Amino acid sequence: MEMPLVSVIVPMFNTELYVDELIESVLAQTLENFELIIVDDCSTDNSCAVVESYIPKSGGRLRLVKTFRNEGPGVKRNRGLELSRGKYIFFADSDDMLISNALENFYRIAEKHGADVLHCKRYYDTHGFGEDLAKNMKLDGDANDNAEAFLTDDIYKRLRAWMKNAFEITPWMKFCRRDFLIENDIKFLPIVQEDSVWTFELICTAKKFVMIPNVCYIRRRRENSLADLSLRREINVDSVRRKFERIIRGLNDVDEFMGRLEYFRENPAVRYRSLSQFVTQNLNWIRVASGNTEPHVIYENLREAFKGELGGHDALICFLISNNIRLIKELIRTRDKLKAAEEK
């Protein structure tokens, strides 16, 4: 069988209502030389049956991989990468869709630049089904940014852009050369919302990192998805736990990764500032997920959620996190008061 130009890798968990549209959008691509690898994360609905119904009409390009442990999307993406054969890798979510010429655009631009990573600056955002899906569709990102540009190979300038939130962290906004990922051992952590660490490693290691304006992806927002857990005015324990886990487990990975790069060993101040940015970013997400919850409630919830998992430092770590969130909220309130005073 001819080696595919692109491997589309999709982690799947209980998306029987949506995965058919994802598969159809991939099978309808103008670039036909691809493989679609869907890695199931122990779905309990009919998702696998839906995927299997498409295998006979996929021309041998669709593969379903069943696993026996629920481990989250990152681990399943890693499994898909291990099984892939394409020159390039694209990670999609099982409830989303691709524009019909997405893979062709990605492949053409990557070959033109010899890129390790393409980063999309725009995508379509929508929700619902059928007519509602089209009616609710809107462009997300800077509609006036039509530039296709190589990102500087100066790692400090890249990091400054990262610190200003110039990069979306979602995997489906990246198109990567497979050999680049393998050679640099860039994988997803076994935690939920693992994409920020993965994106950080891409930014620091890619020799050719190209920003593109092409709109190639349709993101569908839906209730109860991992990416869109609703944020109430009370604490959302599930959402807080995921973000807290990313600080505890992701921070070690980020620090170890930087320790392997000569640039960070020679520039400890940049290394420290990058760690600070990573923690601050995640603390702010925890703040949002915690709503108006009092610090002592956040502390108790964190202690309960991570009981026995923090090496005997549960009380200290949970206090430091909850206290930092309290300080962030106080700073925001002070900023708002100052702004109101200035306006007067």
Protein backbone atom coordinates (compact mmCIF):
# COMPACT_ATOMS: atom_id res chain seq x y z
CA MET A 1 0.00 0.00 0.00
CA GLU A 2 1.22 3.50 -0.87
CA MET A 3 2.62 5.41 2.09
CA PRO A 4 0.12 8.12 3.12
CA LEU A 5 1.12 11.77 2.94
CA VAL A 6 -0.91 12.60 6.05
CA SER A 7 -2.01 10.62 9.11
CA VAL A 8 -5.15 12.05 10.72
CA ILE A 9 -5.25 10.85 14.34
CA VAL A 10 -8.47 11.07 16.36
CA PRO A 11 -8.97 10.11 20.03
CA MET A 12 -12.60 9.12 20.64
CA PHE A 13 -14.80 8.78 23.70
CA ASN A 14 -18.61 8.58 23.54
CA THR A 15 -19.20 10.71 20.45
CA GLU A 16 -21.63 8.45 18.56
CA LEU A 17 -23.77 11.51 17.68
CA TYR A 18 -20.86 13.37 16.07
CA VAL A 19 -18.09 11.07 14.84
CA ASP A 20 -19.88 10.22 11.57
CA GLU A 21 -19.63 13.85 10.45
CA LEU A 22 -15.94 13.92 11.33
CA ILE A 23 -15.30 10.77 9.28
CA GLU A 24 -17.31 12.04 6.31
CA SER A 25 -15.41 15.34 6.33
CA VAL A 26 -12.09 13.46 6.24
CA LEU A 27 -13.15 10.99 3.55
CA ALA A 28 -14.28 13.96 1.41
CA GLN A 29 -10.82 15.59 1.43
CA THR A 30 -9.43 16.82 -1.88
CA LEU A 31 -6.09 15.27 -0.88
CA GLU A 32 -6.90 11.56 -1.02
CA ASN A 33 -3.60 10.04 0.06
CA PHE A 34 -4.17 9.95 3.82
CA GLU A 35 -4.88 7.50 6.62
CA LEU A 36 -7.45 8.09 9.36
CA ILE A 37 -6.62 6.44 12.69
CA ILE A 38 -9.36 6.60 15.32
CA VAL A 39 -8.25 5.44 18.77
CA ASP A 40 -11.17 4.64 21.05
CA ASP A 41 -10.82 5.45 24.75
CA CYS A 42 -13.21 2.75 26.05
CA SER A 43 -16.42 4.36 24.78
CA THR A 44 -19.58 3.07 26.45
CA ASP A 45 -21.97 4.16 23.67
CA ASN A 46 -22.17 3.10 20.00
CA SER A 47 -19.21 5.18 18.83
CA CYS A 48 -17.17 2.13 17.72
CA ALA A 49 -20.10 0.70 15.77
CA VAL A 50 -20.49 4.01 13.91
CA VAL A 51 -16.79 4.02 12.98
CA GLU A 52 -16.87 0.37 11.91
CA SER A 53 -19.76 1.10 9.54
CA TYR A 54 -17.46 3.43 7.56
CA ILE A 55 -14.52 1.02 7.20
CA PRO A 56 -15.88 -0.77 4.05
CA LYS A 57 -16.32 2.54 2.22
CA SER A 58 -13.03 4.12 3.29
CA GLY A 59 -10.86 2.45 0.65
CA GLY A 60 -8.60 1.00 3.33
CA ARG A 61 -7.81 4.43 4.74
CA LEU A 62 -9.78 4.16 8.01
CA ARG A 63 -8.52 2.20 10.99
CA LEU A 64 -10.24 1.80 14.37
CA VAL A 65 -7.99 1.00 17.33
CA LYS A 66 -9.75 -0.27 20.46
CA THR A 67 -8.04 0.05 23.83
CA PHE A 68 -8.89 -1.43 27.21
CA ARG A 69 -8.13 1.40 29.64
CA ASN A 70 -9.73 4.82 29.83
CA GLU A 71 -6.65 7.07 29.86
CA GLY A 72 -7.70 10.34 28.25
CA PRO A 73 -7.14 11.84 24.78
CA GLY A 74 -3.41 12.52 25.18
CA VAL A 75 -2.50 8.87 25.66
CA LYS A 76 -4.70 7.89 22.70
CA ARG A 77 -3.04 10.50 20.47
CA ASN A 78 0.34 9.04 21.44
CA ARG A 79 -0.92 5.57 20.48
CA GLY A 80 -2.12 6.88 17.13
CA LEU A 81 1.26 8.49 16.51
CA GLU A 82 3.00 5.15 17.19
CA LEU A 83 0.81 3.44 14.58
CA SER A 84 0.94 6.21 11.98
CA ARG A 85 2.84 6.03 8.68
CA GLY A 86 2.23 9.47 7.18
CA LYS A 87 4.85 12.10 6.45
CA TYR A 88 2.72 14.59 8.38
CA ILE A 89 0.44 14.28 11.40
CA PHE A 90 -2.83 16.07 12.07
CA PHE A 91 -4.74 15.58 15.32
CA ALA A 92 -8.51 16.11 15.13
CA ASP A 93 -11.24 15.75 17.76
CA SER A 94 -14.00 13.23 17.14
CA ASP A 95 -16.84 15.75 17.43
CA ASP A 96 -15.39 18.29 14.96
CA MET A 97 -14.95 18.50 11.17
CA LEU A 98 -12.44 19.50 8.50
CA ILE A 99 -12.95 21.85 5.57
CA SER A 100 -12.85 19.81 2.34
CA ASN A 101 -9.41 21.09 1.23
CA ALA A 102 -7.85 21.22 4.72
CA LEU A 103 -5.28 18.45 4.23
CA GLU A 104 -4.38 19.69 0.76
CA ASN A 105 -3.74 23.20 2.14
CA PHE A 106 -1.71 21.88 5.05
CA TYR A 107 0.41 19.60 2.89
CA ARG A 108 1.07 22.22 0.19
CA ILE A 109 2.18 24.91 2.67
CA ALA A 110 4.28 22.50 4.77
CA GLU A 111 6.14 21.31 1.67
CA LYS A 112 6.61 24.87 0.43
CA HIS A 113 8.34 25.93 3.67
CA GLY A 114 9.89 22.61 4.69
CA ALA A 115 7.98 23.15 7.92
CA ASP A 116 8.20 21.09 11.09
CA VAL A 117 5.00 22.69 12.38
CA LEU A 118 2.18 24.69 10.81
CA HIS A 119 0.05 26.70 13.23
CA CYS A 120 -3.40 27.85 12.12
CA LYS A 121 -4.41 31.29 13.31
CA ARG A 122 -8.11 30.94 12.48
CA TYR A 123 -10.90 28.36 12.51
CA TYR A 124 -14.69 28.09 12.39
CA ASP A 125 -16.56 27.82 15.68
CA THR A 126 -20.10 26.44 15.85
CA HIS A 127 -22.58 24.28 17.76
CA GLY A 128 -25.63 22.13 17.05
CA PHE A 129 -26.51 19.82 14.16
CA GLY A 130 -27.55 20.12 10.51
CA GLU A 131 -28.91 23.55 9.60
CA ASP A 132 -28.12 24.90 13.07
CA LEU A 133 -24.50 23.88 12.63
CA ALA A 134 -24.18 26.12 9.57
CA LYS A 135 -26.34 28.89 11.02
CA ASN A 136 -24.26 29.11 14.20
CA MET A 137 -20.90 29.07 12.44
CA LYS A 138 -18.57 31.99 13.00
CA LEU A 139 -14.93 32.74 12.27
CA ASP A 140 -12.69 32.68 15.33
CA GLY A 141 -9.40 34.56 15.23
CA ASP A 142 -8.25 37.73 13.51
CA ALA A 143 -10.32 37.99 10.33
CA ASN A 144 -7.90 40.61 8.95
CA ASP A 145 -4.75 38.55 9.47
CA ASN A 146 -4.05 37.05 6.04
CA ALA A 147 -0.30 36.71 6.44
CA GLU A 148 1.52 33.40 5.98
CA ALA A 149 4.78 33.74 7.85
CA PHE A 150 7.76 31.81 9.19
CA LEU A 151 8.05 32.37 12.92
CA THR A 152 11.48 33.59 13.98
CA ASP A 153 14.04 30.96 14.93
CA ASP A 154 15.03 33.16 17.89
CA ILE A 155 13.69 31.06 20.78
CA TYR A 156 13.48 34.09 23.11
CA LYS A 157 11.24 35.96 20.67
CA ARG A 158 9.07 32.86 20.31
CA LEU A 159 8.75 32.59 24.08
CA ARG A 160 7.82 36.25 24.38
CA ALA A 161 5.03 35.65 21.86
CA TRP A 162 3.94 32.57 23.85
CA MET A 163 3.86 34.61 27.05
CA LYS A 164 1.56 37.09 25.31
CA ASN A 165 -0.81 34.20 24.41
CA ALA A 166 -0.02 34.44 20.69
CA PHE A 167 -0.51 30.68 20.24
CA GLU A 168 -3.64 28.59 20.54
CA ILE A 169 -2.73 25.47 22.52
CA THR A 170 -5.23 23.10 20.87
CA PRO A 171 -3.64 20.22 18.88
CA TRP A 172 -6.12 20.60 16.00
CA MET A 173 -4.60 23.96 15.09
CA LYS A 174 -1.24 22.29 14.36
CA PHE A 175 0.02 20.24 11.40
CA CYS A 176 3.33 18.53 12.23
CA ARG A 177 6.02 16.59 10.40
CA ARG A 178 5.97 13.09 11.87
CA ASP A 179 9.76 12.62 11.94
CA PHE A 180 10.10 15.89 13.87
CA LEU A 181 7.73 14.63 16.60
CA ILE A 182 9.47 11.24 16.79
CA GLU A 183 13.05 12.57 16.78
CA ASN A 184 12.29 15.07 19.55
CA ASP A 185 10.14 12.60 21.53
CA ILE A 186 7.27 15.09 21.69
CA LYS A 187 4.28 13.34 23.22
CA PHE A 188 1.17 14.22 25.19
CA LEU A 189 1.12 13.87 28.95
CA PRO A 190 -1.32 11.36 30.49
CA ILE A 191 -3.49 14.14 31.92
CA VAL A 192 -6.61 15.90 30.70
CA GLN A 193 -6.03 19.22 28.90
CA GLU A 194 -2.45 18.22 28.19
CA ASP A 195 -2.13 20.41 25.10
CA SER A 196 -0.38 23.44 26.66
CA VAL A 197 2.76 21.43 27.51
CA TRP A 198 2.75 19.81 24.06
CA THR A 199 2.43 23.20 22.33
CA PHE A 200 5.22 24.67 24.47
CA GLU A 201 7.56 21.87 23.36
CA LEU A 202 6.68 22.47 19.70
CA ILE A 203 7.45 26.17 20.03
CA CYS A 204 10.84 25.51 21.62
CA THR A 205 12.07 22.73 19.29
CA ALA A 206 10.67 23.32 15.78
CA LYS A 207 13.30 24.69 13.39
CA LYS A 208 10.63 25.71 10.89
CA PHE A 209 7.48 26.94 12.64
CA VAL A 210 5.05 28.58 10.20
CA MET A 211 1.94 30.60 11.09
CA ILE A 212 -0.84 30.34 8.48
CA PRO A 213 -4.17 32.17 8.05
CA ASN A 214 -5.98 29.31 6.25
CA VAL A 215 -9.30 28.35 7.82
CA CYS A 216 -9.22 24.55 7.72
CA TYR A 217 -11.08 23.35 10.79
CA ILE A 218 -14.62 23.46 12.21
CA ARG A 219 -14.81 23.24 15.97
CA ARG A 220 -18.12 22.12 17.41
CA ARG A 221 -18.84 23.22 20.97
CA ARG A 222 -21.08 20.89 22.91
CA GLU A 223 -22.23 20.45 26.47
CA ASN A 224 -20.22 18.14 28.72
CA SER A 225 -17.20 17.93 26.42
CA LEU A 226 -13.81 17.92 28.14
CA ALA A 227 -12.97 21.24 26.51
CA ASP A 228 -16.22 22.94 27.47
CA LEU A 229 -17.13 21.97 31.00
CA SER A 230 -19.62 24.64 32.04
CA LEU A 231 -18.34 27.23 34.48
CA ARG A 232 -20.89 27.99 37.17
CA ARG A 233 -20.75 30.63 39.89
CA GLU A 234 -19.97 27.84 42.35
CA ILE A 235 -16.78 25.80 42.15
CA ASN A 236 -16.64 23.36 39.26
CA VAL A 237 -14.60 20.64 40.98
CA ASP A 238 -14.04 18.59 37.81
CA SER A 239 -12.70 21.57 35.90
CA VAL A 240 -10.55 22.76 38.82
CA ARG A 241 -9.09 19.28 39.29
CA ARG A 242 -8.05 19.06 35.63
CA LYS A 243 -6.31 22.42 35.71
CA PHE A 244 -4.71 21.73 39.09
CA GLU A 245 -3.43 18.39 37.77
CA ARG A 246 -1.85 20.19 34.86
CA ILE A 247 0.14 22.40 37.26
CA ILE A 248 1.25 19.53 39.49
CA ARG A 249 2.17 17.04 36.76
CA GLY A 250 2.71 19.33 33.80
CA LEU A 251 5.13 21.64 35.60
CA ASN A 252 7.62 18.82 36.22
CA ASP A 253 7.49 17.82 32.56
CA VAL A 254 8.02 21.41 31.39
CA ASP A 255 10.97 21.85 33.76
CA GLU A 256 12.59 18.55 32.73
CA PHE A 257 12.08 19.42 29.06
CA MET A 258 13.78 22.81 29.49
CA GLY A 259 16.62 21.13 31.38
CA ARG A 260 17.41 19.12 28.24
CA LEU A 261 17.78 22.23 26.05
CA GLU A 262 21.05 24.14 26.04
CA TYR A 263 19.24 27.47 25.62
CA PHE A 264 17.44 27.17 28.96
CA ARG A 265 20.54 25.88 30.76
CA GLU A 266 22.37 29.00 29.60
CA ASN A 267 19.43 31.31 30.36
CA PRO A 268 18.05 30.35 33.80
CA ALA A 269 16.08 33.62 34.06
CA VAL A 270 14.11 32.72 30.91
CA ARG A 271 13.59 29.21 32.24
CA TYR A 272 12.17 30.61 35.48
CA ARG A 273 9.97 33.11 33.66
CA SER A 274 8.59 30.32 31.44
CA LEU A 275 7.71 28.26 34.53
CA SER A 276 6.07 31.33 36.05
CA GLN A 277 4.00 31.88 32.91
CA PHE A 278 2.91 28.24 32.86
CA VAL A 279 1.79 28.32 36.51
CA THR A 280 0.15 31.75 36.24
CA GLN A 281 -1.80 30.71 33.15
CA ASN A 282 -3.16 27.60 34.85
CA LEU A 283 -3.89 29.40 38.13
CA ASN A 284 -5.96 31.91 36.19
CA TRP A 285 -7.95 29.07 34.58
CA ILE A 286 -8.55 27.61 38.04
CA ARG A 287 -9.72 31.04 39.20
CA VAL A 288 -12.27 31.18 36.40
CA ALA A 289 -13.46 27.64 37.09
CA SER A 290 -13.80 28.40 40.81
CA GLY A 291 -16.22 31.29 40.21
CA ASN A 292 -17.00 33.21 43.40
CA THR A 293 -16.09 30.33 45.67
CA GLU A 294 -14.35 31.28 48.92
CA PRO A 295 -10.66 30.30 49.21
CA HIS A 296 -11.29 27.89 52.09
CA VAL A 297 -13.83 25.98 49.95
CA ILE A 298 -11.32 25.76 47.07
CA TYR A 299 -8.74 24.47 49.57
CA GLU A 300 -11.07 21.78 50.94
CA ASN A 301 -12.12 20.67 47.45
CA LEU A 302 -8.50 20.40 46.28
CA ARG A 303 -7.50 18.43 49.38
CA GLU A 304 -10.36 16.02 48.83
CA ALA A 305 -9.69 15.66 45.09
CA PHE A 306 -5.95 14.99 45.53
CA LYS A 307 -5.94 13.14 48.84
CA GLY A 308 -2.78 11.05 49.09
CA GLU A 309 -1.51 12.03 45.62
CA LEU A 310 0.86 14.86 46.53
CA GLY A 311 3.62 13.02 48.33
CA GLY A 312 2.42 13.91 51.80
CA HIS A 313 2.29 17.64 50.99
CA ASP A 314 -1.46 17.83 50.35
CA ALA A 315 -2.12 20.59 52.87
CA LEU A 316 0.81 22.80 51.83
CA ILE A 317 0.28 22.53 48.07
CA CYS A 318 -3.50 22.95 48.25
CA PHE A 319 -3.08 25.97 50.53
CA LEU A 320 -0.53 27.61 48.21
CA ILE A 321 -2.81 27.11 45.20
CA SER A 322 -5.95 28.40 46.93
CA ASN A 323 -4.05 31.34 48.43
CA ASN A 324 -2.62 32.29 45.03
CA ILE A 325 -6.12 32.26 43.57
CA ARG A 326 -7.28 34.51 46.43
CA LEU A 327 -4.46 36.96 45.64
CA ILE A 328 -5.27 36.94 41.93
CA LYS A 329 -8.93 37.75 42.68
CA GLU A 330 -7.89 40.57 45.02
CA LEU A 331 -5.57 42.01 42.35
CA ILE A 332 -8.40 41.91 39.80
CA ARG A 333 -10.79 43.66 42.22
CA THR A 334 -8.14 46.32 42.95
CA ARG A 335 -7.51 46.82 39.23
CA ASP A 336 -11.23 47.28 38.61
CA LYS A 337 -11.50 49.82 41.45
CA LEU A 338 -8.55 51.79 40.08
CA LYS A 339 -10.08 51.76 36.61
CA ALA A 340 -13.39 53.04 37.99
CA ALA A 341 -11.58 55.78 39.92
CA GLU A 342 -9.63 56.84 36.83
CA GLU A 343 -12.84 57.07 34.83
CA LYS A 344 -14.35 59.36 37.48
